[in-house]
Amino acid sequence: MVNQGPDKLRSAPRNVWQITGSDCTTEIFHAEVPVGLITPDKLNELLRILAAKYGSFTDEEIVGSLMKRGTHRHRILLEVHRTNDEARRQTTYTCGENPHFVARLRNAS
């Protein structure tokens, strides 16, 4: 096994989730979270919480968003959508309409 030393470890790129929130064309939120610090389930939960907070949803809208799909009370306001861009080899999670939140995997600079 080759010892890479501390300098090699520090210079290795690390992946982060770049999370942005936009209201129309205005950025209202920005954060970067190292991949190892958040699970995909918690990332989805974070997007839903941000959409509810910045979207100023009513109590009824929040409750309806957590109801089972296919029921008459279910609302799609806080559903997280995952898309895979095969050409860019990138996964994107989105939640909300206006405002909306996006999480993309990036290399930290």
N, C-alpha and C. Protein backbone atom coordinates (compact mmCIF):
# COMPACT_ATOMS: atom_id res chain seq x y z
N MET A 1 0.84 -1.18 0.00
CA MET A 1 0.00 0.00 0.00
C MET A 1 0.88 1.24 0.00
N VAL A 2 0.56 2.20 -0.83
CA VAL A 2 1.33 3.42 -0.96
C VAL A 2 0.81 4.46 0.03
N ASN A 3 1.73 5.07 0.77
CA ASN A 3 1.34 6.13 1.69
C ASN A 3 1.19 7.43 0.90
N GLN A 4 -0.01 7.97 0.89
CA GLN A 4 -0.26 9.19 0.13
C GLN A 4 0.10 10.44 0.91
N GLY A 5 0.21 10.33 2.21
CA GLY A 5 0.59 11.47 3.02
C GLY A 5 -0.54 12.47 3.17
N PRO A 6 -0.41 13.38 4.14
CA PRO A 6 -1.48 14.34 4.41
C PRO A 6 -1.71 15.33 3.27
N ASP A 7 -0.65 15.68 2.51
CA ASP A 7 -0.83 16.64 1.42
C ASP A 7 -1.72 16.08 0.32
N LYS A 8 -1.57 14.80 0.02
CA LYS A 8 -2.40 14.16 -1.01
C LYS A 8 -3.86 14.13 -0.58
N LEU A 9 -4.10 13.85 0.71
CA LEU A 9 -5.47 13.76 1.20
C LEU A 9 -6.16 15.12 1.18
N ARG A 10 -5.44 16.18 1.53
CA ARG A 10 -6.04 17.51 1.55
C ARG A 10 -6.38 18.02 0.16
N SER A 11 -5.61 17.62 -0.84
CA SER A 11 -5.83 18.15 -2.18
C SER A 11 -6.89 17.36 -2.96
N ALA A 12 -7.33 16.23 -2.42
CA ALA A 12 -8.35 15.45 -3.12
C ALA A 12 -9.66 16.23 -3.16
N PRO A 13 -10.31 16.27 -4.33
CA PRO A 13 -11.58 17.00 -4.39
C PRO A 13 -12.64 16.28 -3.56
N ARG A 14 -13.49 17.05 -2.94
CA ARG A 14 -14.57 16.45 -2.18
C ARG A 14 -15.89 16.88 -2.79
N ASN A 15 -16.82 15.98 -2.79
CA ASN A 15 -18.12 16.26 -3.37
C ASN A 15 -19.03 16.91 -2.33
N VAL A 16 -19.81 17.86 -2.78
CA VAL A 16 -20.78 18.54 -1.93
C VAL A 16 -22.11 18.61 -2.66
N TRP A 17 -23.17 18.67 -1.87
CA TRP A 17 -24.48 19.00 -2.43
C TRP A 17 -24.60 20.52 -2.44
N GLN A 18 -24.77 21.08 -3.61
CA GLN A 18 -25.00 22.51 -3.74
C GLN A 18 -26.51 22.70 -3.75
N ILE A 19 -27.02 23.37 -2.73
CA ILE A 19 -28.46 23.56 -2.58
C ILE A 19 -28.78 25.02 -2.77
N THR A 20 -29.67 25.29 -3.74
CA THR A 20 -30.06 26.68 -4.00
C THR A 20 -31.58 26.79 -3.99
N GLY A 21 -32.05 27.94 -3.59
CA GLY A 21 -33.47 28.24 -3.61
C GLY A 21 -33.68 29.50 -4.41
N SER A 22 -34.71 29.49 -5.25
CA SER A 22 -35.00 30.66 -6.09
C SER A 22 -36.47 31.01 -6.02
N ASP A 23 -36.73 32.30 -6.00
CA ASP A 23 -38.08 32.84 -6.09
C ASP A 23 -38.10 33.65 -7.37
N CYS A 24 -38.77 33.13 -8.37
CA CYS A 24 -38.70 33.67 -9.74
C CYS A 24 -37.24 33.60 -10.19
N THR A 25 -36.60 34.73 -10.38
CA THR A 25 -35.21 34.74 -10.83
C THR A 25 -34.24 35.16 -9.72
N THR A 26 -34.74 35.35 -8.51
CA THR A 26 -33.92 35.80 -7.39
C THR A 26 -33.50 34.62 -6.52
N GLU A 27 -32.19 34.49 -6.29
CA GLU A 27 -31.72 33.45 -5.39
C GLU A 27 -32.01 33.86 -3.96
N ILE A 28 -32.71 33.00 -3.22
CA ILE A 28 -33.09 33.31 -1.84
C ILE A 28 -32.38 32.42 -0.82
N PHE A 29 -31.69 31.39 -1.31
CA PHE A 29 -31.01 30.46 -0.40
C PHE A 29 -29.85 29.82 -1.13
N HIS A 30 -28.75 29.61 -0.39
CA HIS A 30 -27.60 28.89 -0.95
C HIS A 30 -26.85 28.22 0.20
N ALA A 31 -26.54 26.94 0.01
CA ALA A 31 -25.74 26.21 0.99
C ALA A 31 -25.01 25.08 0.28
N GLU A 32 -23.89 24.69 0.84
CA GLU A 32 -23.15 23.54 0.35
C GLU A 32 -22.96 22.58 1.52
N VAL A 33 -23.33 21.32 1.30
CA VAL A 33 -23.27 20.31 2.35
C VAL A 33 -22.41 19.16 1.83
N PRO A 34 -21.31 18.82 2.54
CA PRO A 34 -20.51 17.68 2.11
C PRO A 34 -21.36 16.41 2.03
N VAL A 35 -21.14 15.63 0.98
CA VAL A 35 -21.93 14.43 0.72
C VAL A 35 -21.96 13.49 1.91
N GLY A 36 -20.85 13.33 2.59
CA GLY A 36 -20.77 12.40 3.71
C GLY A 36 -21.53 12.83 4.95
N LEU A 37 -22.05 14.06 4.97
CA LEU A 37 -22.74 14.56 6.15
C LEU A 37 -24.26 14.48 6.05
N ILE A 38 -24.80 14.05 4.90
CA ILE A 38 -26.25 14.00 4.75
C ILE A 38 -26.63 12.80 3.88
N THR A 39 -27.66 12.09 4.31
CA THR A 39 -28.16 10.95 3.53
C THR A 39 -29.14 11.46 2.47
N PRO A 40 -29.41 10.66 1.44
CA PRO A 40 -30.40 11.08 0.44
C PRO A 40 -31.78 11.37 1.06
N ASP A 41 -32.19 10.57 2.04
CA ASP A 41 -33.48 10.82 2.70
C ASP A 41 -33.49 12.16 3.42
N LYS A 42 -32.40 12.48 4.12
CA LYS A 42 -32.32 13.76 4.83
C LYS A 42 -32.20 14.93 3.85
N LEU A 43 -31.56 14.72 2.71
CA LEU A 43 -31.49 15.75 1.69
C LEU A 43 -32.89 16.07 1.17
N ASN A 44 -33.69 15.04 0.92
CA ASN A 44 -35.08 15.24 0.49
C ASN A 44 -35.88 15.96 1.56
N GLU A 45 -35.67 15.57 2.81
CA GLU A 45 -36.37 16.22 3.92
C GLU A 45 -35.99 17.69 4.01
N LEU A 46 -34.71 17.99 3.85
CA LEU A 46 -34.24 19.38 3.87
C LEU A 46 -34.92 20.19 2.78
N LEU A 47 -34.99 19.66 1.56
CA LEU A 47 -35.64 20.38 0.47
C LEU A 47 -37.11 20.65 0.78
N ARG A 48 -37.80 19.67 1.36
CA ARG A 48 -39.21 19.86 1.71
C ARG A 48 -39.37 20.93 2.79
N ILE A 49 -38.50 20.91 3.79
CA ILE A 49 -38.58 21.91 4.87
C ILE A 49 -38.33 23.31 4.32
N LEU A 50 -37.33 23.45 3.46
CA LEU A 50 -37.04 24.77 2.88
C LEU A 50 -38.20 25.26 2.02
N ALA A 51 -38.78 24.36 1.23
CA ALA A 51 -39.91 24.75 0.38
C ALA A 51 -41.10 25.20 1.23
N ALA A 52 -41.37 24.51 2.33
CA ALA A 52 -42.47 24.88 3.21
C ALA A 52 -42.19 26.21 3.90
N LYS A 53 -40.96 26.39 4.36
CA LYS A 53 -40.59 27.62 5.07
C LYS A 53 -40.67 28.84 4.16
N TYR A 54 -39.98 28.78 3.04
CA TYR A 54 -39.93 29.94 2.15
C TYR A 54 -41.20 30.10 1.32
N GLY A 55 -41.97 29.02 1.17
CA GLY A 55 -43.22 29.09 0.41
C GLY A 55 -44.38 29.61 1.23
N SER A 56 -44.16 29.82 2.52
CA SER A 56 -45.20 30.32 3.41
C SER A 56 -46.49 29.51 3.29
N PHE A 57 -46.34 28.19 3.31
CA PHE A 57 -47.51 27.32 3.19
C PHE A 57 -48.39 27.43 4.42
N THR A 58 -49.68 27.23 4.22
CA THR A 58 -50.61 27.18 5.34
C THR A 58 -50.48 25.83 6.03
N ASP A 59 -51.04 25.73 7.21
CA ASP A 59 -51.02 24.45 7.93
C ASP A 59 -51.68 23.37 7.10
N GLU A 60 -52.81 23.67 6.48
CA GLU A 60 -53.54 22.70 5.68
C GLU A 60 -52.72 22.23 4.48
N GLU A 61 -51.97 23.14 3.85
CA GLU A 61 -51.12 22.76 2.72
C GLU A 61 -50.00 21.82 3.16
N ILE A 62 -49.41 22.09 4.31
CA ILE A 62 -48.34 21.23 4.82
C ILE A 62 -48.90 19.85 5.17
N VAL A 63 -50.02 19.82 5.88
CA VAL A 63 -50.62 18.54 6.26
C VAL A 63 -51.00 17.75 5.01
N GLY A 64 -51.62 18.40 4.03
CA GLY A 64 -52.02 17.73 2.80
C GLY A 64 -50.84 17.19 2.02
N SER A 65 -49.70 17.86 2.12
CA SER A 65 -48.51 17.41 1.41
C SER A 65 -47.92 16.14 2.00
N LEU A 66 -48.30 15.83 3.22
CA LEU A 66 -47.79 14.63 3.89
C LEU A 66 -48.78 13.47 3.87
N MET A 67 -49.95 13.68 3.28
CA MET A 67 -50.95 12.61 3.18
C MET A 67 -50.52 11.60 2.11
N LYS A 68 -51.05 10.38 2.21
CA LYS A 68 -50.72 9.34 1.24
C LYS A 68 -51.12 9.77 -0.16
N ARG A 69 -50.31 9.38 -1.14
CA ARG A 69 -50.64 9.64 -2.53
C ARG A 69 -51.93 8.90 -2.86
N GLY A 70 -52.73 9.50 -3.70
CA GLY A 70 -53.97 8.87 -4.13
C GLY A 70 -55.15 9.18 -3.23
N THR A 71 -54.92 9.82 -2.09
CA THR A 71 -56.03 10.20 -1.22
C THR A 71 -56.52 11.59 -1.62
N HIS A 72 -57.76 11.90 -1.26
CA HIS A 72 -58.33 13.19 -1.68
C HIS A 72 -57.65 14.38 -1.01
N ARG A 73 -56.96 14.18 0.11
CA ARG A 73 -56.30 15.31 0.79
C ARG A 73 -54.85 15.51 0.35
N HIS A 74 -54.31 14.56 -0.42
CA HIS A 74 -52.90 14.66 -0.83
C HIS A 74 -52.66 15.86 -1.74
N ARG A 75 -51.58 16.57 -1.47
CA ARG A 75 -51.13 17.69 -2.31
C ARG A 75 -49.69 17.42 -2.72
N ILE A 76 -49.33 17.91 -3.89
CA ILE A 76 -47.98 17.65 -4.42
C ILE A 76 -46.99 18.76 -4.10
N LEU A 77 -47.37 19.69 -3.26
CA LEU A 77 -46.55 20.87 -2.99
C LEU A 77 -45.15 20.55 -2.49
N LEU A 78 -44.99 19.49 -1.71
CA LEU A 78 -43.69 19.18 -1.11
C LEU A 78 -43.08 17.90 -1.64
N GLU A 79 -43.48 17.47 -2.83
CA GLU A 79 -42.87 16.29 -3.42
C GLU A 79 -41.50 16.64 -3.97
N VAL A 80 -40.56 15.75 -3.76
CA VAL A 80 -39.20 15.92 -4.27
C VAL A 80 -39.08 15.07 -5.53
N HIS A 81 -38.58 15.70 -6.59
CA HIS A 81 -38.40 15.00 -7.86
C HIS A 81 -36.91 14.82 -8.12
N ARG A 82 -36.57 13.60 -8.53
CA ARG A 82 -35.17 13.28 -8.83
C ARG A 82 -35.03 13.09 -10.33
N THR A 83 -34.03 13.73 -10.91
CA THR A 83 -33.75 13.55 -12.33
C THR A 83 -32.28 13.18 -12.48
N ASN A 84 -32.02 12.35 -13.46
CA ASN A 84 -30.65 11.93 -13.78
C ASN A 84 -30.31 12.41 -15.17
N ASP A 85 -29.26 13.18 -15.29
CA ASP A 85 -28.76 13.62 -16.59
C ASP A 85 -27.61 12.70 -16.95
N GLU A 86 -27.89 11.74 -17.81
CA GLU A 86 -26.88 10.74 -18.18
C GLU A 86 -25.68 11.38 -18.90
N ALA A 87 -25.95 12.38 -19.74
CA ALA A 87 -24.85 13.01 -20.48
C ALA A 87 -23.85 13.68 -19.54
N ARG A 88 -24.37 14.36 -18.52
CA ARG A 88 -23.50 15.05 -17.56
C ARG A 88 -23.14 14.16 -16.37
N ARG A 89 -23.79 12.99 -16.29
CA ARG A 89 -23.60 12.09 -15.16
C ARG A 89 -23.88 12.82 -13.86
N GLN A 90 -25.09 13.44 -13.81
CA GLN A 90 -25.44 14.27 -12.67
C GLN A 90 -26.86 13.95 -12.20
N THR A 91 -27.03 13.88 -10.89
CA THR A 91 -28.35 13.70 -10.28
C THR A 91 -28.78 15.02 -9.67
N THR A 92 -30.04 15.37 -9.90
CA THR A 92 -30.60 16.62 -9.37
C THR A 92 -31.89 16.32 -8.64
N TYR A 93 -32.05 16.92 -7.47
CA TYR A 93 -33.29 16.83 -6.71
C TYR A 93 -33.94 18.21 -6.70
N THR A 94 -35.25 18.28 -6.92
CA THR A 94 -35.97 19.55 -6.89
C THR A 94 -37.23 19.42 -6.04
N CYS A 95 -37.63 20.54 -5.44
CA CYS A 95 -38.84 20.59 -4.63
C CYS A 95 -39.41 22.00 -4.69
N GLY A 96 -40.73 22.08 -4.84
CA GLY A 96 -41.41 23.37 -4.84
C GLY A 96 -41.56 23.93 -6.24
N GLU A 97 -42.41 24.96 -6.31
CA GLU A 97 -42.64 25.63 -7.59
C GLU A 97 -42.12 27.05 -7.55
N ASN A 98 -42.69 27.88 -6.71
CA ASN A 98 -42.22 29.25 -6.59
C ASN A 98 -42.46 29.71 -5.16
N PRO A 99 -41.46 29.62 -4.32
CA PRO A 99 -40.05 29.34 -4.63
C PRO A 99 -39.81 27.84 -4.84
N HIS A 100 -38.68 27.55 -5.46
CA HIS A 100 -38.28 26.16 -5.65
C HIS A 100 -36.83 25.99 -5.20
N PHE A 101 -36.51 24.74 -4.82
CA PHE A 101 -35.19 24.42 -4.30
C PHE A 101 -34.59 23.29 -5.09
N VAL A 102 -33.28 23.39 -5.34
CA VAL A 102 -32.57 22.42 -6.17
C VAL A 102 -31.31 21.99 -5.44
N ALA A 103 -31.03 20.68 -5.45
CA ALA A 103 -29.79 20.14 -4.91
C ALA A 103 -29.07 19.41 -6.02
N ARG A 104 -27.81 19.82 -6.26
CA ARG A 104 -26.97 19.21 -7.29
C ARG A 104 -25.65 18.79 -6.67
N LEU A 105 -25.15 17.67 -7.13
CA LEU A 105 -23.85 17.19 -6.66
C LEU A 105 -22.75 17.93 -7.40
N ARG A 106 -21.82 18.52 -6.66
CA ARG A 106 -20.71 19.28 -7.25
C ARG A 106 -19.40 18.90 -6.57
N ASN A 107 -18.31 19.17 -7.26
CA ASN A 107 -16.99 19.08 -6.64
C ASN A 107 -16.71 20.39 -5.94
N ALA A 108 -16.30 20.32 -4.69
CA ALA A 108 -15.98 21.53 -3.94
C ALA A 108 -14.71 22.14 -4.51
N SER A 109 -14.66 23.47 -4.54
CA SER A 109 -13.46 24.12 -5.07
C SER A 109 -12.48 24.42 -3.99
